[in-house]
Amino acid sequence: GLGQLGVECAKLLRSQYGEESVILSDIIKPSNEIVNSGPYIFADILDFKGLQKIVVDHRVDWIIHFSALLSAIGEQNVPLAVRVNIEGMHNVLELAKQYKMRIFVPSTIGAFGPDSPRNPTPNVTIQRPRTIYGVSKVHAELMGEYYHHKFGLDFRCLRFPGVISSDPPGGGTTDYAVAVFFEGLKTGKYQCYLKPDTRLPMMYIEDCLRSLLEFMTAPEEKLQRRVYNVTAMSFTPEELVEKLSKYIPELHVSYRPDSRQLIADSWPQVFDDSEARRDWGWQHNYDLDKLVDLMVRDVTENYIKKASN
């Protein structure tokens, strides 16, 4: 819950359903700001009995399951990624089935691999990812669909592209698109770990969370599938830097591809989300120009200025 999406997701849901109706949970000690913004509890995704107690005590009816080790981090600790991403997923699925809850699990462009068509990548196609993160997400998609067909579980899943927000980067392969704002605005320099022409699908966090809310509240009968691609735009590091140099004319970006390049090369370049647009009316609000404008403002005000005070 205290990752890139959790805190903002809780804010959005609390604005819709009331502060007390949304419980944020994690295994991390929360800041005062988090504690004061609404209910916060300790929840360990690997402790099934502890999760049961939370659901019973608080009469929970939706689970939004963000707990996962991301792509680049997962490769550094595969056994832990298996436990968190796969066993943790089994726990929440079983929980949702037992207590008849609606459950949302995010998937990712990382659920595709080098054999998948990359431009565009359709909703249903071959998925043979080469990271433990991707493998665990394909597993989650299939398990969720299985529980839906077998037990009638209301399982919903969106494959998110790279998500861009003014939170400091958290170890994903698409995080260069966040890091370049922090480094660029602070030092005027950034060393990118992907090649300049690496095209990847992206979306701004507000679009991402709104898609989640709209999908979770969409009537069951509108959904032709349980798993949908969603996206807003696709760009390369080069294209992003070009837009950013309008705000930082002296910006200098160098490129030194590392192991994350191999991951990015196996992922979609353009994401086909026409089914989400058709079935439940998905539409994005933020394109690349709007995104850069917002990020420059956000990072400058919330990080650069605060750090210098």
Protein backbone atom coordinates (compact mmCIF):
# COMPACT_ATOMS: atom_id res chain seq x y z
CA GLY A 1 0.00 0.00 0.00
CA LEU A 2 2.92 2.41 0.50
CA GLY A 3 4.34 1.89 -2.99
CA GLN A 4 3.96 4.19 -5.99
CA LEU A 5 0.27 3.44 -6.56
CA GLY A 6 -1.06 2.59 -3.11
CA VAL A 7 -1.04 5.96 -1.35
CA GLU A 8 -2.54 7.83 -4.31
CA CYS A 9 -5.07 5.06 -4.88
CA ALA A 10 -6.21 5.30 -1.24
CA LYS A 11 -6.63 9.09 -1.66
CA LEU A 12 -8.76 8.63 -4.76
CA LEU A 13 -10.93 5.90 -3.20
CA ARG A 14 -11.35 7.87 0.05
CA SER A 15 -12.53 10.88 -1.94
CA GLN A 16 -15.22 8.61 -3.46
CA TYR A 17 -16.21 6.40 -0.54
CA GLY A 18 -15.18 8.31 2.60
CA GLU A 19 -11.99 8.32 4.64
CA GLU A 20 -12.96 5.49 7.01
CA SER A 21 -14.04 3.16 4.20
CA VAL A 22 -10.57 2.60 2.78
CA ILE A 23 -7.83 0.84 4.73
CA LEU A 24 -4.24 1.27 3.62
CA SER A 25 -1.88 -1.53 4.61
CA ASP A 26 1.79 -2.47 4.33
CA ILE A 27 4.63 -3.92 6.43
CA ILE A 28 6.39 -0.54 6.57
CA LYS A 29 6.23 1.89 9.49
CA PRO A 30 4.03 4.73 8.20
CA SER A 31 4.81 8.45 8.33
CA ASN A 32 2.63 10.80 10.39
CA GLU A 33 1.10 12.04 7.17
CA ILE A 34 -0.08 8.51 6.26
CA VAL A 35 -1.44 7.83 9.75
CA ASN A 36 -3.36 11.10 9.80
CA SER A 37 -4.87 10.61 6.35
CA GLY A 38 -7.06 7.57 7.24
CA PRO A 39 -7.01 4.01 8.58
CA TYR A 40 -3.62 2.28 8.26
CA ILE A 41 -2.83 -1.28 9.40
CA PHE A 42 0.00 -3.80 9.26
CA ALA A 43 -0.70 -6.59 6.76
CA ASP A 44 1.76 -9.27 5.71
CA ILE A 45 0.79 -10.76 2.36
CA LEU A 46 2.40 -14.09 3.36
CA ASP A 47 0.38 -14.44 6.59
CA PHE A 48 -2.98 -15.92 5.55
CA LYS A 49 -4.49 -16.00 9.05
CA GLY A 50 -3.51 -12.38 9.63
CA LEU A 51 -5.22 -11.41 6.36
CA GLN A 52 -8.36 -13.34 7.36
CA LYS A 53 -8.50 -11.45 10.64
CA ILE A 54 -8.29 -8.09 8.84
CA VAL A 55 -11.11 -9.03 6.45
CA VAL A 56 -13.36 -10.27 9.27
CA ASP A 57 -12.61 -7.45 11.73
CA HIS A 58 -13.12 -4.70 9.16
CA ARG A 59 -15.78 -6.40 7.02
CA VAL A 60 -13.72 -5.82 3.89
CA ASP A 61 -15.49 -6.30 0.53
CA TRP A 62 -12.84 -5.16 -1.99
CA ILE A 63 -9.18 -6.09 -2.13
CA ILE A 64 -6.75 -4.06 -4.21
CA HIS A 65 -3.56 -6.07 -4.26
CA PHE A 66 -0.45 -4.01 -5.10
CA SER A 67 2.11 -6.12 -3.25
CA ALA A 68 4.90 -7.19 -5.66
CA LEU A 69 8.62 -7.00 -6.33
CA LEU A 70 9.06 -5.08 -9.60
CA SER A 71 11.01 -6.20 -12.66
CA ALA A 72 14.60 -5.06 -12.03
CA ILE A 73 14.40 -5.68 -8.25
CA GLY A 74 12.80 -9.13 -8.70
CA GLU A 75 15.72 -10.30 -10.84
CA GLN A 76 18.07 -9.56 -7.93
CA ASN A 77 16.13 -11.73 -5.48
CA VAL A 78 14.17 -14.42 -7.30
CA PRO A 79 13.21 -16.57 -4.24
CA LEU A 80 11.72 -13.52 -2.50
CA ALA A 81 9.90 -12.49 -5.70
CA VAL A 82 8.40 -15.99 -5.93
CA ARG A 83 7.13 -15.76 -2.36
CA VAL A 84 5.74 -12.23 -2.55
CA ASN A 85 4.46 -12.23 -6.13
CA ILE A 86 3.17 -15.82 -6.35
CA GLU A 87 2.43 -17.11 -2.83
CA GLY A 88 1.10 -13.68 -1.83
CA MET A 89 -1.21 -13.74 -4.85
CA HIS A 90 -2.48 -17.23 -3.92
CA ASN A 91 -3.31 -15.93 -0.43
CA VAL A 92 -5.39 -12.99 -1.62
CA LEU A 93 -7.21 -15.04 -4.26
CA GLU A 94 -8.17 -17.67 -1.70
CA LEU A 95 -9.19 -14.92 0.71
CA ALA A 96 -11.37 -13.21 -1.90
CA LYS A 97 -13.00 -16.52 -2.75
CA GLN A 98 -13.67 -17.43 0.90
CA TYR A 99 -15.18 -14.07 1.79
CA LYS A 100 -16.81 -13.27 -1.57
CA MET A 101 -14.84 -10.10 -2.22
CA ARG A 102 -14.19 -8.23 -5.44
CA ILE A 103 -10.46 -8.32 -6.12
CA PHE A 104 -8.21 -6.16 -8.28
CA VAL A 105 -4.69 -7.24 -9.20
CA PRO A 106 -2.53 -5.09 -11.49
CA SER A 107 -0.61 -6.79 -14.27
CA THR A 108 1.96 -5.19 -16.54
CA ILE A 109 3.52 -4.83 -19.98
CA GLY A 110 6.15 -7.07 -18.36
CA ALA A 111 3.70 -10.00 -18.73
CA PHE A 112 4.77 -10.18 -22.40
CA GLY A 113 8.06 -11.52 -23.75
CA PRO A 114 10.25 -11.55 -26.86
CA ASP A 115 7.79 -13.84 -28.71
CA SER A 116 4.85 -11.45 -28.27
CA PRO A 117 4.00 -8.99 -31.06
CA ARG A 118 5.45 -5.67 -29.86
CA ASN A 119 3.79 -3.05 -32.03
CA PRO A 120 0.94 -3.20 -31.31
CA THR A 121 0.55 -5.78 -28.53
CA PRO A 122 -3.04 -7.04 -28.51
CA ASN A 123 -5.10 -7.97 -25.45
CA VAL A 124 -4.85 -11.70 -26.13
CA THR A 125 -1.59 -12.95 -27.60
CA ILE A 126 1.40 -15.14 -26.77
CA GLN A 127 2.92 -14.36 -23.34
CA ARG A 128 6.32 -15.87 -22.55
CA PRO A 129 8.04 -13.31 -20.30
CA ARG A 130 11.70 -13.65 -19.30
CA THR A 131 11.60 -11.99 -15.86
CA ILE A 132 10.27 -13.50 -12.63
CA TYR A 133 8.09 -10.38 -12.33
CA GLY A 134 6.52 -11.08 -15.73
CA VAL A 135 6.15 -14.80 -15.06
CA SER A 136 4.43 -14.10 -11.73
CA LYS A 137 2.02 -11.65 -13.40
CA VAL A 138 1.02 -14.11 -16.15
CA HIS A 139 0.46 -16.61 -13.34
CA ALA A 140 -1.73 -14.06 -11.52
CA GLU A 141 -3.79 -13.37 -14.66
CA LEU A 142 -4.40 -17.06 -15.29
CA MET A 143 -5.14 -17.93 -11.66
CA GLY A 144 -7.57 -15.02 -11.41
CA GLU A 145 -9.38 -16.08 -14.57
CA TYR A 146 -9.46 -19.67 -13.31
CA TYR A 147 -10.99 -18.60 -9.96
CA HIS A 148 -13.53 -16.50 -11.89
CA HIS A 149 -14.64 -19.38 -14.13
CA LYS A 150 -14.42 -22.08 -11.46
CA PHE A 151 -15.78 -20.26 -8.38
CA GLY A 152 -17.45 -17.12 -9.79
CA LEU A 153 -14.85 -14.86 -8.16
CA ASP A 154 -15.17 -11.21 -9.24
CA PHE A 155 -11.53 -10.93 -10.32
CA ARG A 156 -10.42 -7.84 -12.28
CA CYS A 157 -6.99 -7.10 -13.67
CA LEU A 158 -5.46 -4.29 -15.77
CA ARG A 159 -2.12 -4.56 -17.52
CA PHE A 160 -0.51 -1.22 -16.75
CA PRO A 161 2.31 0.28 -18.83
CA GLY A 162 5.12 2.26 -17.16
CA VAL A 163 3.41 4.52 -14.60
CA ILE A 164 4.85 8.01 -14.19
CA SER A 165 4.40 9.98 -10.99
CA SER A 166 6.42 12.42 -8.90
CA ASP A 167 7.23 9.69 -6.38
CA PRO A 168 10.92 8.76 -6.42
CA PRO A 169 11.54 5.74 -8.71
CA GLY A 170 10.98 2.24 -7.23
CA GLY A 171 13.01 -0.28 -9.23
CA GLY A 172 11.03 -0.84 -12.40
CA THR A 173 12.49 -0.91 -15.93
CA THR A 174 10.37 2.07 -17.04
CA ASP A 175 11.54 4.19 -14.08
CA TYR A 176 14.04 6.15 -16.19
CA ALA A 177 11.00 8.23 -17.19
CA VAL A 178 10.66 9.34 -13.55
CA ALA A 179 14.38 9.49 -12.68
CA VAL A 180 15.18 11.84 -15.59
CA PHE A 181 12.94 14.52 -14.02
CA PHE A 182 14.56 14.21 -10.57
CA GLU A 183 18.15 14.14 -11.85
CA GLY A 184 17.57 16.59 -14.69
CA LEU A 185 15.94 19.24 -12.52
CA LYS A 186 18.46 18.77 -9.71
CA THR A 187 21.75 18.50 -11.63
CA GLY A 188 20.98 19.17 -15.31
CA LYS A 189 22.42 15.70 -16.08
CA TYR A 190 21.07 12.17 -16.34
CA GLN A 191 22.60 8.86 -17.35
CA CYS A 192 19.92 6.68 -18.92
CA TYR A 193 20.16 2.88 -18.64
CA LEU A 194 18.13 2.32 -21.85
CA LYS A 195 19.04 3.12 -25.45
CA PRO A 196 17.69 6.46 -26.75
CA ASP A 197 15.27 4.78 -29.17
CA THR A 198 13.68 2.28 -26.73
CA ARG A 199 9.94 2.78 -27.20
CA LEU A 200 7.72 1.76 -24.28
CA PRO A 201 4.05 2.36 -23.36
CA MET A 202 3.46 4.77 -20.47
CA MET A 203 0.72 6.54 -18.54
CA TYR A 204 0.51 9.29 -15.93
CA ILE A 205 -0.48 8.11 -12.45
CA GLU A 206 -3.80 10.01 -12.44
CA ASP A 207 -4.91 8.22 -15.61
CA CYS A 208 -3.67 4.93 -14.17
CA LEU A 209 -5.68 5.23 -10.95
CA ARG A 210 -8.76 6.56 -12.69
CA SER A 211 -8.67 3.55 -15.02
CA LEU A 212 -8.57 1.31 -11.93
CA LEU A 213 -11.57 3.02 -10.33
CA GLU A 214 -13.62 3.06 -13.55
CA PHE A 215 -12.81 -0.60 -14.17
CA MET A 216 -13.63 -1.66 -10.60
CA THR A 217 -17.01 0.09 -10.74
CA ALA A 218 -17.89 -1.04 -14.28
CA PRO A 219 -20.97 -3.31 -14.32
CA GLU A 220 -20.06 -6.98 -14.56
CA GLU A 221 -22.12 -7.46 -17.72
CA LYS A 222 -20.01 -4.93 -19.64
CA LEU A 223 -16.82 -6.91 -19.11
CA GLN A 224 -15.98 -9.28 -21.95
CA ARG A 225 -12.74 -10.17 -20.16
CA ARG A 226 -11.19 -10.20 -16.70
CA VAL A 227 -7.82 -8.84 -17.91
CA TYR A 228 -7.42 -5.72 -20.07
CA ASN A 229 -4.52 -3.73 -21.53
CA VAL A 230 -4.69 -0.01 -20.66
CA THR A 231 -2.34 2.74 -21.79
CA ALA A 232 -2.12 6.42 -22.70
CA MET A 233 0.99 6.94 -24.86
CA SER A 234 4.26 5.43 -26.08
CA PHE A 235 7.57 7.27 -26.26
CA THR A 236 11.34 6.77 -26.25
CA PRO A 237 13.92 8.28 -23.85
CA GLU A 238 15.00 10.53 -26.74
CA GLU A 239 11.48 11.89 -27.28
CA LEU A 240 11.01 12.49 -23.55
CA VAL A 241 14.37 14.30 -23.28
CA GLU A 242 13.48 16.49 -26.25
CA LYS A 243 10.29 17.67 -24.49
CA LEU A 244 12.10 18.10 -21.18
CA SER A 245 14.89 20.23 -22.71
CA LYS A 246 12.29 22.95 -23.37
CA TYR A 247 12.13 23.33 -19.56
CA ILE A 248 15.84 22.58 -18.89
CA PRO A 249 17.73 23.96 -21.93
CA GLU A 250 21.13 22.90 -20.53
CA LEU A 251 19.97 19.30 -19.92
CA HIS A 252 22.61 16.71 -20.77
CA VAL A 253 21.56 13.06 -21.05
CA SER A 254 24.02 10.24 -21.75
CA TYR A 255 23.07 6.64 -22.52
CA ARG A 256 24.63 3.56 -20.95
CA PRO A 257 22.35 0.57 -21.48
CA ASP A 258 22.56 -2.08 -18.73
CA SER A 259 20.69 -5.33 -17.97
CA ARG A 260 17.37 -3.43 -17.99
CA GLN A 261 17.78 -2.91 -21.74
CA LEU A 262 17.30 -6.66 -22.27
CA ILE A 263 14.10 -6.52 -20.24
CA ALA A 264 12.78 -3.50 -22.17
CA ASP A 265 13.61 -5.14 -25.52
CA SER A 266 11.25 -8.00 -24.74
CA TRP A 267 8.32 -5.72 -23.80
CA PRO A 268 5.56 -4.09 -25.91
CA GLN A 269 6.43 -0.86 -27.71
CA VAL A 270 2.82 0.11 -28.38
CA PHE A 271 -0.01 -1.29 -26.30
CA ASP A 272 -3.39 -2.01 -27.91
CA ASP A 273 -6.06 -1.11 -25.35
CA SER A 274 -8.97 -0.86 -27.81
CA GLU A 275 -10.93 -3.54 -25.90
CA ALA A 276 -10.89 -1.50 -22.66
CA ARG A 277 -12.01 1.54 -24.65
CA ARG A 278 -14.80 -0.46 -26.28
CA ASP A 279 -16.10 -2.47 -23.30
CA TRP A 280 -16.04 -0.05 -20.39
CA GLY A 281 -15.27 3.29 -22.02
CA TRP A 282 -11.63 3.83 -21.06
CA GLN A 283 -10.13 7.17 -22.21
CA HIS A 284 -6.84 8.75 -21.14
CA ASN A 285 -6.48 12.47 -20.25
CA TYR A 286 -2.70 12.93 -20.31
CA ASP A 287 -0.48 12.90 -23.39
CA LEU A 288 3.30 13.44 -23.43
CA ASP A 289 3.16 17.28 -23.46
CA LYS A 290 0.77 17.43 -20.52
CA LEU A 291 2.77 14.79 -18.68
CA VAL A 292 6.09 16.65 -18.96
CA ASP A 293 4.49 19.93 -17.93
CA LEU A 294 2.95 18.38 -14.81
CA MET A 295 6.02 16.41 -13.81
CA VAL A 296 8.33 19.43 -14.06
CA ARG A 297 5.99 21.42 -11.80
CA ASP A 298 5.44 18.56 -9.35
CA VAL A 299 9.05 17.49 -8.91
CA THR A 300 10.26 21.11 -8.67
CA GLU A 301 7.72 22.04 -5.99
CA ASN A 302 7.65 18.85 -3.94
CA TYR A 303 11.28 17.73 -4.07
CA ILE A 304 13.74 20.26 -5.46
CA LYS A 305 12.44 23.29 -3.53
CA LYS A 306 11.88 21.32 -0.32
CA ALA A 307 15.40 19.87 -0.49
CA SER A 308 16.97 23.31 -0.86
CA ASN A 309 15.00 24.84 2.05
